[in-house]
Amino acid sequence: MPRAPRSDDGDTLIEVMIALLVISVTTAALMTGLATSIGASATHRNLATLDTIVRSYAETIKADVQLQAAPLYQDCAWITTTNVGGIPTAQYNTKSGGVVTTTPLTFTPPAGYSVQLDFLHYWNSTTYSFNGDSSTTCMSAGGDQSGIQLFQITATSPTRSHESLQFVVRVPT
């Protein structure tokens, strides 16, 4: 059986234009997906760094206040902030026998990030809630006799994202 003669005609201009349109749309979709992936990766890296910072600072505070051989923990402690070398540094203040002791809670976050200790609250076993007694009212109000202190830390990224973490420190036993 004889074969039909093969045409040497090429593709028409319309066919080439449609093929280019399909390739262009596909390329644009792939590039948009890649750009979204890169942006999401940077956001995730930023959030992971913030999480690492707040958890590391929390562990530093727990180690200083509760876990050392000679822990800093005192009933009715309070937090102040001072600048050390231009960096805001939280201080754990205690009062014993009329003498105030101030201990810096040092932590150096990565460049561009900042971290602050927002508050220190006490467990009130009468109301079963945390309250923010200060050093001047703590003992007179019957404040922190439960041995539980609530801290809150907030870290800020260069892109102004924030992450906060609350954790409890107990009286060392």
N, C-alpha and C. Protein backbone atom coordinates (compact mmCIF):
# COMPACT_ATOMS: atom_id res chain seq x y z
N MET A 1 0.83 -1.15 0.00
CA MET A 1 0.00 0.00 0.00
C MET A 1 0.89 1.24 0.00
N PRO A 2 0.66 2.11 -0.92
CA PRO A 2 1.51 3.27 -1.00
C PRO A 2 1.16 4.28 0.10
N ARG A 3 2.17 4.90 0.63
CA ARG A 3 1.97 5.93 1.68
C ARG A 3 1.60 7.25 1.04
N ALA A 4 0.87 8.01 1.83
CA ALA A 4 0.50 9.34 1.36
C ALA A 4 1.73 10.21 1.41
N PRO A 5 1.91 11.05 0.45
CA PRO A 5 3.10 11.89 0.48
C PRO A 5 3.07 12.81 1.71
N ARG A 6 4.23 12.92 2.34
CA ARG A 6 4.35 13.75 3.54
C ARG A 6 4.51 15.21 3.14
N SER A 7 3.80 16.05 3.87
CA SER A 7 3.86 17.47 3.56
C SER A 7 5.09 18.08 4.20
N ASP A 8 5.76 18.91 3.48
CA ASP A 8 6.93 19.60 4.01
C ASP A 8 6.55 20.95 4.60
N ASP A 9 5.28 21.20 4.72
CA ASP A 9 4.85 22.48 5.28
C ASP A 9 5.21 22.52 6.76
N GLY A 10 5.61 23.68 7.27
CA GLY A 10 5.92 23.86 8.68
C GLY A 10 4.67 24.19 9.47
N ASP A 11 4.88 24.58 10.71
CA ASP A 11 3.76 24.97 11.55
C ASP A 11 3.29 26.35 11.11
N THR A 12 2.02 26.57 11.33
CA THR A 12 1.48 27.87 10.96
C THR A 12 1.86 28.88 12.04
N LEU A 13 1.74 30.13 11.71
CA LEU A 13 2.05 31.20 12.65
C LEU A 13 1.14 31.13 13.87
N ILE A 14 -0.09 30.78 13.69
CA ILE A 14 -1.04 30.67 14.81
C ILE A 14 -0.58 29.58 15.77
N GLU A 15 -0.16 28.44 15.25
CA GLU A 15 0.31 27.34 16.11
C GLU A 15 1.54 27.76 16.92
N VAL A 16 2.45 28.47 16.31
CA VAL A 16 3.65 28.95 17.01
C VAL A 16 3.26 29.96 18.09
N MET A 17 2.34 30.85 17.77
CA MET A 17 1.91 31.86 18.75
C MET A 17 1.22 31.19 19.95
N ILE A 18 0.40 30.19 19.71
CA ILE A 18 -0.28 29.49 20.81
C ILE A 18 0.75 28.75 21.66
N ALA A 19 1.73 28.12 21.05
CA ALA A 19 2.78 27.42 21.80
C ALA A 19 3.56 28.41 22.68
N LEU A 20 3.89 29.58 22.13
CA LEU A 20 4.61 30.60 22.91
C LEU A 20 3.74 31.11 24.06
N LEU A 21 2.44 31.25 23.83
CA LEU A 21 1.54 31.70 24.89
C LEU A 21 1.48 30.67 26.02
N VAL A 22 1.40 29.41 25.69
CA VAL A 22 1.37 28.34 26.71
C VAL A 22 2.67 28.34 27.50
N ILE A 23 3.79 28.45 26.82
CA ILE A 23 5.10 28.48 27.50
C ILE A 23 5.21 29.71 28.39
N SER A 24 4.75 30.86 27.94
CA SER A 24 4.81 32.10 28.72
C SER A 24 3.97 32.01 30.00
N VAL A 25 2.75 31.52 29.87
CA VAL A 25 1.87 31.39 31.03
C VAL A 25 2.46 30.40 32.04
N THR A 26 2.98 29.30 31.55
CA THR A 26 3.60 28.30 32.43
C THR A 26 4.81 28.88 33.15
N THR A 27 5.64 29.60 32.43
CA THR A 27 6.83 30.21 33.04
C THR A 27 6.43 31.25 34.09
N ALA A 28 5.44 32.07 33.79
CA ALA A 28 4.98 33.09 34.74
C ALA A 28 4.44 32.43 36.01
N ALA A 29 3.68 31.34 35.86
CA ALA A 29 3.14 30.64 37.03
C ALA A 29 4.27 30.04 37.87
N LEU A 30 5.25 29.45 37.23
CA LEU A 30 6.38 28.86 37.96
C LEU A 30 7.20 29.94 38.69
N MET A 31 7.42 31.07 38.05
CA MET A 31 8.19 32.14 38.68
C MET A 31 7.44 32.74 39.87
N THR A 32 6.12 32.88 39.75
CA THR A 32 5.31 33.38 40.87
C THR A 32 5.37 32.41 42.04
N GLY A 33 5.26 31.14 41.76
CA GLY A 33 5.36 30.12 42.80
C GLY A 33 6.72 30.13 43.47
N LEU A 34 7.77 30.31 42.70
CA LEU A 34 9.13 30.36 43.25
C LEU A 34 9.31 31.59 44.13
N ALA A 35 8.79 32.73 43.68
CA ALA A 35 8.90 33.96 44.48
C ALA A 35 8.13 33.81 45.80
N THR A 36 6.95 33.20 45.76
CA THR A 36 6.17 32.97 46.97
C THR A 36 6.91 32.03 47.91
N SER A 37 7.52 31.02 47.37
CA SER A 37 8.29 30.07 48.18
C SER A 37 9.47 30.75 48.86
N ILE A 38 10.16 31.62 48.16
CA ILE A 38 11.30 32.34 48.74
C ILE A 38 10.83 33.26 49.87
N GLY A 39 9.73 33.97 49.63
CA GLY A 39 9.18 34.85 50.67
C GLY A 39 8.73 34.07 51.89
N ALA A 40 8.06 32.95 51.69
CA ALA A 40 7.61 32.12 52.81
C ALA A 40 8.79 31.56 53.58
N SER A 41 9.85 31.20 52.88
CA SER A 41 11.05 30.69 53.54
C SER A 41 11.68 31.74 54.44
N ALA A 42 11.74 32.98 53.96
CA ALA A 42 12.32 34.06 54.77
C ALA A 42 11.45 34.33 55.99
N THR A 43 10.14 34.30 55.83
CA THR A 43 9.23 34.51 56.95
C THR A 43 9.39 33.39 57.98
N HIS A 44 9.46 32.16 57.51
CA HIS A 44 9.63 31.03 58.42
C HIS A 44 10.97 31.12 59.15
N ARG A 45 12.02 31.48 58.48
CA ARG A 45 13.34 31.62 59.11
C ARG A 45 13.30 32.69 60.19
N ASN A 46 12.62 33.81 59.90
CA ASN A 46 12.48 34.90 60.86
C ASN A 46 11.72 34.43 62.10
N LEU A 47 10.60 33.73 61.91
CA LEU A 47 9.82 33.24 63.04
C LEU A 47 10.57 32.19 63.84
N ALA A 48 11.31 31.34 63.16
CA ALA A 48 12.10 30.32 63.87
C ALA A 48 13.20 30.99 64.70
N THR A 49 13.81 32.04 64.18
CA THR A 49 14.83 32.77 64.93
C THR A 49 14.21 33.44 66.15
N LEU A 50 13.04 34.07 65.99
CA LEU A 50 12.35 34.69 67.14
C LEU A 50 12.04 33.65 68.21
N ASP A 51 11.56 32.49 67.79
CA ASP A 51 11.24 31.44 68.74
C ASP A 51 12.50 30.99 69.49
N THR A 52 13.59 30.84 68.78
CA THR A 52 14.85 30.44 69.41
C THR A 52 15.32 31.49 70.41
N ILE A 53 15.17 32.77 70.06
CA ILE A 53 15.60 33.85 70.95
C ILE A 53 14.79 33.84 72.24
N VAL A 54 13.46 33.82 72.17
CA VAL A 54 12.67 33.87 73.39
C VAL A 54 12.88 32.63 74.26
N ARG A 55 13.03 31.48 73.65
CA ARG A 55 13.26 30.27 74.43
C ARG A 55 14.65 30.27 75.07
N SER A 56 15.63 30.76 74.35
CA SER A 56 16.99 30.84 74.92
C SER A 56 17.04 31.82 76.09
N TYR A 57 16.39 32.97 75.94
CA TYR A 57 16.37 33.95 77.03
C TYR A 57 15.60 33.40 78.23
N ALA A 58 14.50 32.69 77.97
CA ALA A 58 13.74 32.08 79.07
C ALA A 58 14.61 31.08 79.82
N GLU A 59 15.35 30.27 79.10
CA GLU A 59 16.23 29.30 79.76
C GLU A 59 17.34 29.99 80.54
N THR A 60 17.83 31.11 80.02
CA THR A 60 18.85 31.88 80.73
C THR A 60 18.29 32.40 82.05
N ILE A 61 17.08 32.95 81.99
CA ILE A 61 16.46 33.48 83.21
C ILE A 61 16.18 32.35 84.20
N LYS A 62 15.64 31.24 83.73
CA LYS A 62 15.37 30.11 84.62
C LYS A 62 16.66 29.62 85.27
N ALA A 63 17.73 29.58 84.49
CA ALA A 63 19.01 29.12 85.05
C ALA A 63 19.49 30.09 86.12
N ASP A 64 19.40 31.40 85.87
CA ASP A 64 19.87 32.39 86.83
C ASP A 64 19.00 32.43 88.09
N VAL A 65 17.69 32.40 87.90
CA VAL A 65 16.77 32.62 89.02
C VAL A 65 16.49 31.33 89.79
N GLN A 66 16.47 30.19 89.12
CA GLN A 66 16.00 28.98 89.78
C GLN A 66 17.01 27.84 89.84
N LEU A 67 17.83 27.66 88.83
CA LEU A 67 18.57 26.41 88.69
C LEU A 67 20.04 26.44 89.14
N GLN A 68 20.56 27.57 89.54
CA GLN A 68 21.96 27.63 89.96
C GLN A 68 22.14 26.98 91.33
N ALA A 69 23.41 26.74 91.67
CA ALA A 69 23.71 26.23 93.02
C ALA A 69 23.29 27.27 94.07
N ALA A 70 23.47 28.55 93.75
CA ALA A 70 23.01 29.64 94.61
C ALA A 70 22.03 30.48 93.80
N PRO A 71 20.77 30.04 93.69
CA PRO A 71 19.80 30.73 92.82
C PRO A 71 19.47 32.13 93.32
N LEU A 72 19.05 33.00 92.38
CA LEU A 72 18.69 34.37 92.70
C LEU A 72 17.29 34.49 93.28
N TYR A 73 16.48 33.45 93.17
CA TYR A 73 15.06 33.54 93.51
C TYR A 73 14.86 34.14 94.90
N GLN A 74 13.96 35.12 94.95
CA GLN A 74 13.50 35.70 96.22
C GLN A 74 12.03 36.02 96.07
N ASP A 75 11.29 35.86 97.16
CA ASP A 75 9.91 36.32 97.17
C ASP A 75 9.91 37.82 96.92
N CYS A 76 8.90 38.30 96.25
CA CYS A 76 8.70 39.74 96.01
C CYS A 76 9.83 40.40 95.22
N ALA A 77 10.38 39.70 94.29
CA ALA A 77 11.38 40.31 93.40
C ALA A 77 10.65 41.20 92.41
N TRP A 78 11.40 42.09 91.76
CA TRP A 78 10.81 42.94 90.73
C TRP A 78 11.84 43.16 89.64
N ILE A 79 11.34 43.59 88.48
CA ILE A 79 12.17 43.76 87.29
C ILE A 79 12.34 45.25 86.99
N THR A 80 13.57 45.64 86.67
CA THR A 80 13.83 46.97 86.14
C THR A 80 14.67 46.79 84.88
N THR A 81 14.78 47.84 84.10
CA THR A 81 15.59 47.79 82.88
C THR A 81 16.59 48.92 82.91
N THR A 82 17.81 48.62 82.51
CA THR A 82 18.85 49.63 82.40
C THR A 82 19.59 49.42 81.09
N ASN A 83 20.31 50.42 80.62
CA ASN A 83 21.11 50.29 79.41
C ASN A 83 22.54 49.92 79.78
N VAL A 84 23.01 48.83 79.22
CA VAL A 84 24.38 48.40 79.40
C VAL A 84 25.04 48.42 78.03
N GLY A 85 25.92 49.39 77.81
CA GLY A 85 26.55 49.52 76.50
C GLY A 85 25.55 49.84 75.40
N GLY A 86 24.49 50.58 75.74
CA GLY A 86 23.48 50.95 74.75
C GLY A 86 22.45 49.86 74.50
N ILE A 87 22.56 48.73 75.22
CA ILE A 87 21.61 47.63 75.04
C ILE A 87 20.73 47.55 76.28
N PRO A 88 19.40 47.61 76.13
CA PRO A 88 18.52 47.48 77.29
C PRO A 88 18.72 46.11 77.95
N THR A 89 18.95 46.12 79.25
CA THR A 89 19.20 44.89 80.00
C THR A 89 18.25 44.82 81.19
N ALA A 90 17.54 43.70 81.32
CA ALA A 90 16.63 43.51 82.45
C ALA A 90 17.45 43.19 83.69
N GLN A 91 16.92 43.63 84.83
CA GLN A 91 17.56 43.36 86.11
C GLN A 91 16.56 42.73 87.05
N TYR A 92 17.00 41.69 87.74
CA TYR A 92 16.18 41.01 88.74
C TYR A 92 16.55 41.61 90.09
N ASN A 93 15.61 42.30 90.71
CA ASN A 93 15.87 43.00 91.97
C ASN A 93 15.22 42.27 93.13
N THR A 94 15.96 42.14 94.22
CA THR A 94 15.44 41.52 95.43
C THR A 94 15.76 42.40 96.62
N LYS A 95 14.99 42.21 97.68
CA LYS A 95 15.20 43.00 98.89
C LYS A 95 15.21 42.05 100.08
N SER A 96 16.27 42.09 100.83
CA SER A 96 16.39 41.24 102.00
C SER A 96 16.99 42.06 103.13
N GLY A 97 16.29 42.15 104.24
CA GLY A 97 16.79 42.92 105.38
C GLY A 97 17.02 44.38 105.05
N GLY A 98 16.21 44.96 104.19
CA GLY A 98 16.36 46.36 103.83
C GLY A 98 17.42 46.62 102.77
N VAL A 99 18.12 45.59 102.33
CA VAL A 99 19.17 45.75 101.32
C VAL A 99 18.64 45.26 99.97
N VAL A 100 18.70 46.14 98.97
CA VAL A 100 18.26 45.79 97.63
C VAL A 100 19.45 45.24 96.84
N THR A 101 19.24 44.08 96.23
CA THR A 101 20.26 43.46 95.39
C THR A 101 19.74 43.46 93.96
N THR A 102 20.55 43.97 93.04
CA THR A 102 20.18 44.04 91.63
C THR A 102 21.13 43.15 90.83
N THR A 103 20.57 42.22 90.07
CA THR A 103 21.36 41.30 89.26
C THR A 103 20.90 41.40 87.82
N PRO A 104 21.81 41.73 86.89
CA PRO A 104 21.41 41.79 85.47
C PRO A 104 21.12 40.39 84.93
N LEU A 105 20.07 40.31 84.14
CA LEU A 105 19.72 39.08 83.44
C LEU A 105 20.20 39.25 82.00
N THR A 106 21.47 39.01 81.78
CA THR A 106 22.09 39.32 80.49
C THR A 106 21.76 38.28 79.43
N PHE A 107 21.52 38.78 78.25
CA PHE A 107 21.28 37.95 77.07
C PHE A 107 21.55 38.81 75.85
N THR A 108 22.32 38.30 74.91
CA THR A 108 22.64 39.05 73.70
C THR A 108 21.98 38.37 72.51
N PRO A 109 20.92 38.99 71.95
CA PRO A 109 20.27 38.40 70.78
C PRO A 109 21.12 38.62 69.53
N PRO A 110 20.80 37.93 68.44
CA PRO A 110 21.52 38.14 67.18
C PRO A 110 21.38 39.58 66.69
N ALA A 111 22.29 40.00 65.86
CA ALA A 111 22.28 41.37 65.32
C ALA A 111 20.94 41.66 64.65
N GLY A 112 20.39 42.84 64.94
CA GLY A 112 19.13 43.27 64.36
C GLY A 112 17.91 42.87 65.18
N TYR A 113 18.05 41.91 66.06
CA TYR A 113 16.95 41.46 66.90
C TYR A 113 17.07 42.12 68.27
N SER A 114 15.95 42.31 68.94
CA SER A 114 15.96 42.82 70.31
C SER A 114 15.07 41.94 71.16
N VAL A 115 15.34 41.95 72.46
CA VAL A 115 14.56 41.14 73.38
C VAL A 115 14.36 41.95 74.66
N GLN A 116 13.17 41.84 75.22
CA GLN A 116 12.92 42.55 76.48
C GLN A 116 12.10 41.66 77.40
N LEU A 117 12.31 41.87 78.68
CA LEU A 117 11.54 41.20 79.71
C LEU A 117 10.38 42.12 80.05
N ASP A 118 9.16 41.72 79.71
CA ASP A 118 7.99 42.59 79.85
C ASP A 118 7.52 42.75 81.28
N PHE A 119 7.39 41.63 81.99
CA PHE A 119 6.88 41.73 83.35
C PHE A 119 7.24 40.52 84.18
N LEU A 120 7.07 40.68 85.47
CA LEU A 120 7.19 39.62 86.45
C LEU A 120 5.96 39.72 87.34
N HIS A 121 5.12 38.68 87.32
CA HIS A 121 3.90 38.65 88.14
C HIS A 121 4.02 37.53 89.16
N TYR A 122 3.20 37.62 90.19
CA TYR A 122 3.22 36.65 91.27
C TYR A 122 1.92 35.89 91.33
N TRP A 123 2.00 34.64 91.77
CA TRP A 123 0.80 33.84 91.95
C TRP A 123 0.15 34.23 93.27
N ASN A 124 -1.12 34.54 93.19
CA ASN A 124 -1.89 34.88 94.37
C ASN A 124 -2.74 33.67 94.71
N SER A 125 -2.39 32.98 95.78
CA SER A 125 -3.09 31.74 96.13
C SER A 125 -4.48 31.99 96.70
N THR A 126 -4.82 33.25 96.98
CA THR A 126 -6.16 33.58 97.45
C THR A 126 -7.12 33.70 96.27
N THR A 127 -6.68 34.40 95.20
CA THR A 127 -7.54 34.59 94.03
C THR A 127 -7.27 33.57 92.94
N TYR A 128 -6.26 32.73 93.12
CA TYR A 128 -5.87 31.73 92.13
C TYR A 128 -5.59 32.36 90.77
N SER A 129 -4.82 33.43 90.80
CA SER A 129 -4.44 34.11 89.56
C SER A 129 -3.11 34.82 89.77
N PHE A 130 -2.50 35.21 88.67
CA PHE A 130 -1.26 35.99 88.76
C PHE A 130 -1.61 37.46 88.92
N ASN A 131 -0.85 38.16 89.73
CA ASN A 131 -1.01 39.60 89.85
C ASN A 131 0.36 40.26 89.76
N GLY A 132 0.39 41.55 89.58
CA GLY A 132 1.64 42.26 89.36
C GLY A 132 2.10 43.08 90.55
N ASP A 133 2.12 42.49 91.73
CA ASP A 133 2.57 43.22 92.91
C ASP A 133 3.98 43.74 92.70
N SER A 134 4.22 44.97 93.10
CA SER A 134 5.57 45.52 93.03
C SER A 134 6.27 45.28 94.36
N SER A 135 7.53 45.61 94.42
CA SER A 135 8.32 45.35 95.63
C SER A 135 7.78 46.11 96.83
N THR A 136 7.13 47.25 96.61
CA THR A 136 6.65 48.05 97.74
C THR A 136 5.35 47.51 98.32
N THR A 137 4.56 46.78 97.53
CA THR A 137 3.28 46.28 98.04
C THR A 137 3.26 44.78 98.22
N CYS A 138 4.26 44.09 97.75
CA CYS A 138 4.24 42.63 97.75
C CYS A 138 4.09 42.05 99.15
N MET A 139 4.99 42.37 100.03
CA MET A 139 4.96 41.79 101.37
C MET A 139 3.77 42.28 102.17
N SER A 140 3.44 43.58 102.06
CA SER A 140 2.33 44.11 102.84
C SER A 140 0.99 43.55 102.36
N ALA A 141 0.91 43.18 101.08
CA ALA A 141 -0.35 42.64 100.54
C ALA A 141 -0.38 41.14 100.64
N GLY A 142 0.62 40.55 101.23
CA GLY A 142 0.67 39.10 101.33
C GLY A 142 1.07 38.45 100.03
N GLY A 143 1.56 39.21 99.10
CA GLY A 143 1.92 38.85 97.73
C GLY A 143 2.53 37.50 97.49
N ASP A 144 3.78 37.48 97.14
CA ASP A 144 4.41 36.28 96.59
C ASP A 144 4.90 35.34 97.68
N GLN A 145 3.99 34.69 98.31
CA GLN A 145 4.38 33.69 99.31
C GLN A 145 4.20 32.28 98.76
N SER A 146 3.74 32.17 97.53
CA SER A 146 3.47 30.87 96.93
C SER A 146 4.70 30.25 96.30
N GLY A 147 5.72 31.06 96.03
CA GLY A 147 6.92 30.54 95.40
C GLY A 147 6.81 30.39 93.90
N ILE A 148 5.87 31.09 93.27
CA ILE A 148 5.69 31.00 91.82
C ILE A 148 5.74 32.40 91.22
N GLN A 149 6.59 32.57 90.22
CA GLN A 149 6.72 33.86 89.54
C GLN A 149 6.52 33.65 88.03
N LEU A 150 5.73 34.53 87.41
CA LEU A 150 5.44 34.46 85.98
C LEU A 150 6.20 35.56 85.26
N PHE A 151 7.02 35.18 84.30
CA PHE A 151 7.78 36.13 83.49
C PHE A 151 7.18 36.15 82.08
N GLN A 152 7.31 37.29 81.39
CA GLN A 152 6.97 37.36 79.97
C GLN A 152 8.11 38.04 79.23
N ILE A 153 8.52 37.41 78.13
CA ILE A 153 9.60 37.92 77.28
C ILE A 153 9.01 38.22 75.91
N THR A 154 9.46 39.31 75.28
CA THR A 154 9.08 39.61 73.90
C THR A 154 10.33 39.86 73.09
N ALA A 155 10.43 39.20 71.94
CA ALA A 155 11.53 39.41 71.01
C ALA A 155 10.98 40.11 69.77
N THR A 156 11.81 40.98 69.19
CA THR A 156 11.42 41.73 67.99
C THR A 156 12.48 41.50 66.91
N SER A 157 12.02 41.26 65.70
CA SER A 157 12.93 41.01 64.57
C SER A 157 13.23 42.30 63.83
N PRO A 158 14.20 42.27 62.91
CA PRO A 158 14.49 43.46 62.10
C PRO A 158 13.29 43.89 61.25
N THR A 159 12.38 42.96 60.94
CA THR A 159 11.20 43.29 60.15
C THR A 159 10.02 43.70 61.05
N ARG A 160 10.27 43.87 62.33
CA ARG A 160 9.31 44.31 63.35
C ARG A 160 8.28 43.24 63.70
N SER A 161 8.57 41.98 63.40
CA SER A 161 7.73 40.88 63.88
C SER A 161 8.02 40.69 65.36
N HIS A 162 7.01 40.27 66.11
CA HIS A 162 7.16 40.07 67.54
C HIS A 162 6.78 38.65 67.92
N GLU A 163 7.41 38.15 68.96
CA GLU A 163 6.99 36.89 69.56
C GLU A 163 7.17 37.01 71.05
N SER A 164 6.14 36.59 71.79
CA SER A 164 6.18 36.65 73.25
C SER A 164 6.11 35.24 73.81
N LEU A 165 6.67 35.10 75.00
CA LEU A 165 6.66 33.81 75.69
C LEU A 165 6.49 34.07 77.18
N GLN A 166 5.56 33.37 77.79
CA GLN A 166 5.39 33.43 79.24
C GLN A 166 5.87 32.11 79.83
N PHE A 167 6.54 32.19 80.97
CA PHE A 167 7.01 30.99 81.64
C PHE A 167 7.03 31.23 83.14
N VAL A 168 6.99 30.14 83.88
CA VAL A 168 6.92 30.20 85.34
C VAL A 168 8.24 29.73 85.93
N VAL A 169 8.66 30.43 86.98
CA VAL A 169 9.81 30.03 87.77
C VAL A 169 9.30 29.75 89.18
N ARG A 170 9.72 28.63 89.74
CA ARG A 170 9.30 28.26 91.09
C ARG A 170 10.45 28.44 92.06
N VAL A 171 10.10 28.54 93.31
CA VAL A 171 11.12 28.63 94.35
C VAL A 171 11.97 27.36 94.30
N PRO A 172 13.29 27.51 94.28
CA PRO A 172 14.15 26.32 94.23
C PRO A 172 13.99 25.48 95.50
N THR A 173 14.09 24.20 95.33
CA THR A 173 13.96 23.31 96.49
C THR A 173 15.27 22.61 96.77
